[in-house]
Structures are given as C-alpha cells and as structure tokens.
Amino acid sequence: IQVLASTAMRPVTWHDVGADYILVSHGSIHSSASLQVNDGVTVRFDQGAYINNYGELHGVGTSADQVHFTRRHDGAEWNGLFFHNGATGALSHCTVDHATYANGYGVYARQAGSLALTSCEFTHNDYGVYADDCSPSFINCLVTNNTMFGVYLAGNAVPTFGSSLASRRPRCRRLVW
C-alpha cells in the first residue's frame, strides 16, 4: 500500500491487510489527529522518508504479532519517527530499525508529551532513541547495534527505565537511572 506525503488531520488506523505500508515521502500527524498502527503491520520507508508527529502516534503490536518500522529495501535510508512539541505516543511490541538517513533516529523526541516505549527493539539505526527535554519511559526494551548512540539524552530529559533496558553498545551522553 503506497502512502503518499500527507498530513493526517483526523484519527487514522492502519490495519494488517497482508501488504506492507510504503511511505514514499514524509508524513505528518496534525496536533489534533492520531495514527494507530496495529499489530502485524510493517511500515516501510523510501529514501529519506519519515513521520513527523505533532499529535498522537501509537504502534500497537503484540508479542506474537509486532509492528515493524523499517527501510523499504536493503541500502535504502529512512529518517525515523519524530515526536515534536507536546506530541504523545506509545510504541508497544514494535521493532524500529535501519533509520540511517542524515543521522537517522529510530525515535526522535523533542519537547514531546508522554512517550511510552514498551517491549520494543531499536536496532541498526544511527540513534536508537534521541530524547531532548522530554521524559520517555522504557519498559523491557532492547537497544542494540545502533551506530552513533543507543539512547541519547539531552537538555532536561528525564527518562524512566522499568523491567530492563538492554544494550550491546550502551553509549549515552547522559543517562539517569
């Protein structure tokens, strides 16, 4: 399913329909809107594509049927999931990988509202999770094999870590436990 560059202005849900969603450019979620990506959905991103969230973004996977955010094909580089100024979201049972375009971020959160990351894997990105002036929660997440930083905290970032945060390359600028 090809998704063209657009801004979600109302609640939108992507269901598992047996085909991947392909974001061919950047997509945005308006401050009054939401995007819910349901279990079993794979979202693939073309070169340089990303999602800008100013509203709500939810990846609702299960342990048996995860949500997957990734590049469209080997060699492609996408930019990540961006949570801006008051945006909220929750990613549960999601894999976010291969965001490597221009310092790609699996998740980038700057002055975001609530952001809950539960049972997620952030792998093979430039930055697994970048948080600036916000307070994301990490519960049972795996952060591994990211080239720059697994978790990068800046400004007044005050994360919460529960259950476990595993990393094979635990390089953080500032980490508060």
Protein backbone atom coordinates (compact mmCIF):
# COMPACT_ATOMS: atom_id res chain seq x y z
CA ILE A 1 0.00 0.00 0.00
CA GLN A 2 1.68 3.19 -1.14
CA VAL A 3 1.29 6.12 1.27
CA LEU A 4 1.92 9.50 -0.32
CA ALA A 5 3.16 12.57 1.57
CA SER A 6 0.26 13.97 3.52
CA THR A 7 -0.88 15.24 6.89
CA ALA A 8 -3.35 13.23 8.95
CA MET A 9 -5.99 15.70 10.11
CA ARG A 10 -8.22 13.15 11.90
CA PRO A 11 -7.78 9.76 13.58
CA VAL A 12 -6.36 7.16 11.17
CA THR A 13 -5.74 3.45 11.74
CA TRP A 14 -3.52 1.19 9.64
CA HIS A 15 -4.67 -2.43 9.85
CA ASP A 16 -2.86 -5.61 8.85
CA VAL A 17 -4.22 -6.25 5.37
CA GLY A 18 -1.49 -8.65 4.28
CA ALA A 19 0.56 -5.96 2.49
CA ASP A 20 3.20 -3.52 3.72
CA TYR A 21 2.53 0.21 4.00
CA ILE A 22 5.18 2.07 1.95
CA LEU A 23 5.81 5.71 2.92
CA VAL A 24 7.27 7.29 -0.21
CA SER A 25 7.95 10.69 1.38
CA HIS A 26 7.36 12.22 4.77
CA GLY A 27 4.05 12.02 6.55
CA SER A 28 2.76 14.24 9.33
CA ILE A 29 0.23 13.83 12.11
CA HIS A 30 -1.56 17.10 12.94
CA SER A 31 -1.77 18.17 16.60
CA SER A 32 -5.49 17.28 16.66
CA ALA A 33 -5.05 13.92 14.91
CA SER A 34 -3.71 10.44 15.57
CA LEU A 35 -2.23 7.48 13.73
CA GLN A 36 -2.59 3.99 15.14
CA VAL A 37 -0.54 1.22 13.52
CA ASN A 38 -1.98 -2.15 14.51
CA ASP A 39 -0.32 -5.48 15.19
CA GLY A 40 1.17 -7.30 12.22
CA VAL A 41 1.70 -4.13 10.17
CA THR A 42 5.05 -3.40 8.54
CA VAL A 43 5.68 0.23 7.59
CA ARG A 44 8.48 0.63 5.04
CA PHE A 45 10.10 3.99 4.27
CA ASP A 46 11.59 5.17 0.98
CA GLN A 47 14.89 7.04 0.89
CA GLY A 48 14.81 9.99 3.33
CA ALA A 49 11.19 9.42 4.39
CA TYR A 50 9.97 9.87 7.97
CA ILE A 51 6.91 10.55 10.13
CA ASN A 52 6.52 13.92 11.88
CA ASN A 53 4.15 13.57 14.84
CA TYR A 54 2.54 16.65 16.37
CA GLY A 55 -0.48 14.71 17.66
CA GLU A 56 -0.58 11.04 18.68
CA LEU A 57 1.30 8.07 17.22
CA HIS A 58 0.62 4.57 18.52
CA GLY A 59 2.26 1.34 17.39
CA VAL A 60 0.13 -1.39 18.94
CA GLY A 61 1.82 -4.72 18.41
CA THR A 62 1.63 -7.94 20.39
CA SER A 63 4.35 -10.37 21.41
CA ALA A 64 3.15 -12.71 18.65
CA ASP A 65 2.47 -10.04 16.01
CA GLN A 66 4.72 -6.99 16.21
CA VAL A 67 4.65 -3.68 14.37
CA HIS A 68 7.76 -3.10 12.24
CA PHE A 69 9.10 0.30 11.10
CA THR A 70 11.95 -0.16 8.62
CA ARG A 71 13.57 0.81 5.31
CA ARG A 72 11.90 -0.14 2.05
CA HIS A 73 14.78 -2.27 0.79
CA ASP A 74 18.42 -3.05 1.55
CA GLY A 75 20.54 0.04 1.00
CA ALA A 76 17.65 2.50 1.50
CA GLU A 77 17.97 5.00 4.34
CA TRP A 78 14.97 6.47 6.12
CA ASN A 79 14.99 9.14 8.81
CA GLY A 80 12.82 7.93 11.71
CA LEU A 81 9.78 8.64 13.86
CA PHE A 82 9.73 12.24 15.16
CA PHE A 83 7.73 13.36 18.20
CA HIS A 84 7.56 17.18 18.36
CA ASN A 85 6.43 19.80 20.92
CA GLY A 86 3.72 18.16 23.01
CA ALA A 87 3.16 15.17 20.73
CA THR A 88 2.33 11.93 22.50
CA GLY A 89 2.64 8.30 21.68
CA ALA A 90 3.10 4.74 22.72
CA LEU A 91 5.01 2.02 20.92
CA SER A 92 4.37 -1.46 22.21
CA HIS A 93 5.90 -4.61 20.72
CA CYS A 94 7.49 -2.64 17.87
CA THR A 95 10.77 -3.01 16.03
CA VAL A 96 12.33 0.17 14.66
CA ASP A 97 15.38 -0.48 12.51
CA HIS A 98 17.71 0.86 9.82
CA ALA A 99 16.93 4.59 10.27
CA THR A 100 20.26 5.86 8.95
CA TYR A 101 19.45 8.82 6.67
CA ALA A 102 21.33 12.01 7.73
CA ASN A 103 21.80 10.88 11.35
CA GLY A 104 18.69 8.72 11.35
CA TYR A 105 16.76 8.32 14.56
CA GLY A 106 14.70 5.26 15.39
CA VAL A 107 12.73 7.63 17.62
CA TYR A 108 13.44 11.35 17.96
CA ALA A 109 11.53 13.13 20.74
CA ARG A 110 11.99 16.86 21.41
CA GLN A 111 9.75 18.53 23.96
CA ALA A 112 7.31 15.69 23.42
CA GLY A 113 4.48 14.97 25.81
CA SER A 114 4.16 11.43 27.11
CA LEU A 115 6.08 8.77 25.22
CA ALA A 116 5.90 5.14 26.36
CA LEU A 117 8.17 2.54 24.77
CA THR A 118 7.25 -0.98 25.87
CA SER A 119 8.77 -4.26 24.69
CA CYS A 120 10.34 -2.58 21.67
CA GLU A 121 13.59 -3.16 19.82
CA PHE A 122 15.67 -0.30 18.38
CA THR A 123 18.42 -1.71 16.22
CA HIS A 124 20.74 -0.76 13.35
CA ASN A 125 19.79 2.93 13.44
CA ASP A 126 22.23 5.83 13.79
CA TYR A 127 20.49 6.77 17.07
CA GLY A 128 18.17 4.21 18.65
CA VAL A 129 16.28 6.79 20.70
CA TYR A 130 17.10 10.51 20.96
CA ALA A 131 15.26 12.42 23.71
CA ASP A 132 15.60 16.16 24.38
CA ASP A 133 13.57 17.98 27.05
CA CYS A 134 11.07 15.17 27.50
CA SER A 135 10.54 12.13 29.71
CA PRO A 136 10.15 8.90 27.75
CA SER A 137 9.57 5.62 29.55
CA PHE A 138 11.41 2.46 28.54
CA ILE A 139 9.94 -0.84 29.70
CA ASN A 140 11.50 -4.11 28.61
CA CYS A 141 13.17 -2.59 25.52
CA LEU A 142 16.19 -3.85 23.61
CA VAL A 143 18.52 -1.17 22.23
CA THR A 144 21.29 -2.76 20.21
CA ASN A 145 23.73 -2.27 17.31
CA ASN A 146 23.00 1.43 16.73
CA THR A 147 26.00 3.16 15.14
CA MET A 148 26.06 6.51 17.00
CA PHE A 149 24.17 6.05 20.29
CA GLY A 150 21.66 3.57 21.60
CA VAL A 151 19.94 6.13 23.83
CA TYR A 152 20.94 9.80 23.65
CA LEU A 153 19.55 12.14 26.30
CA ALA A 154 19.88 15.92 26.07
CA GLY A 155 18.54 19.04 27.77
CA ASN A 156 16.22 18.20 30.62
CA ALA A 157 15.44 14.66 29.52
CA VAL A 158 14.32 12.57 32.48
CA PRO A 159 13.59 9.04 31.27
CA THR A 160 12.09 6.21 33.26
CA PHE A 161 13.52 2.73 32.91
CA GLY A 162 11.48 -0.25 34.03
CA SER A 163 11.95 -4.01 33.82
CA SER A 164 15.07 -3.95 31.64
CA LEU A 165 16.97 -1.86 29.15
CA ALA A 166 19.49 -4.00 27.33
CA SER A 167 22.18 -2.70 25.05
CA ARG A 168 25.25 -4.20 23.47
CA ARG A 169 26.58 -0.72 22.80
CA PRO A 170 25.43 1.38 25.77
CA ARG A 171 26.88 4.74 24.79
CA CYS A 172 24.82 7.55 26.25
CA ARG A 173 25.61 11.20 26.62
CA ARG A 174 23.69 11.47 29.86
CA LEU A 175 21.82 8.63 31.45
CA VAL A 176 19.65 8.97 34.55
CA TRP A 177 18.56 5.80 36.31
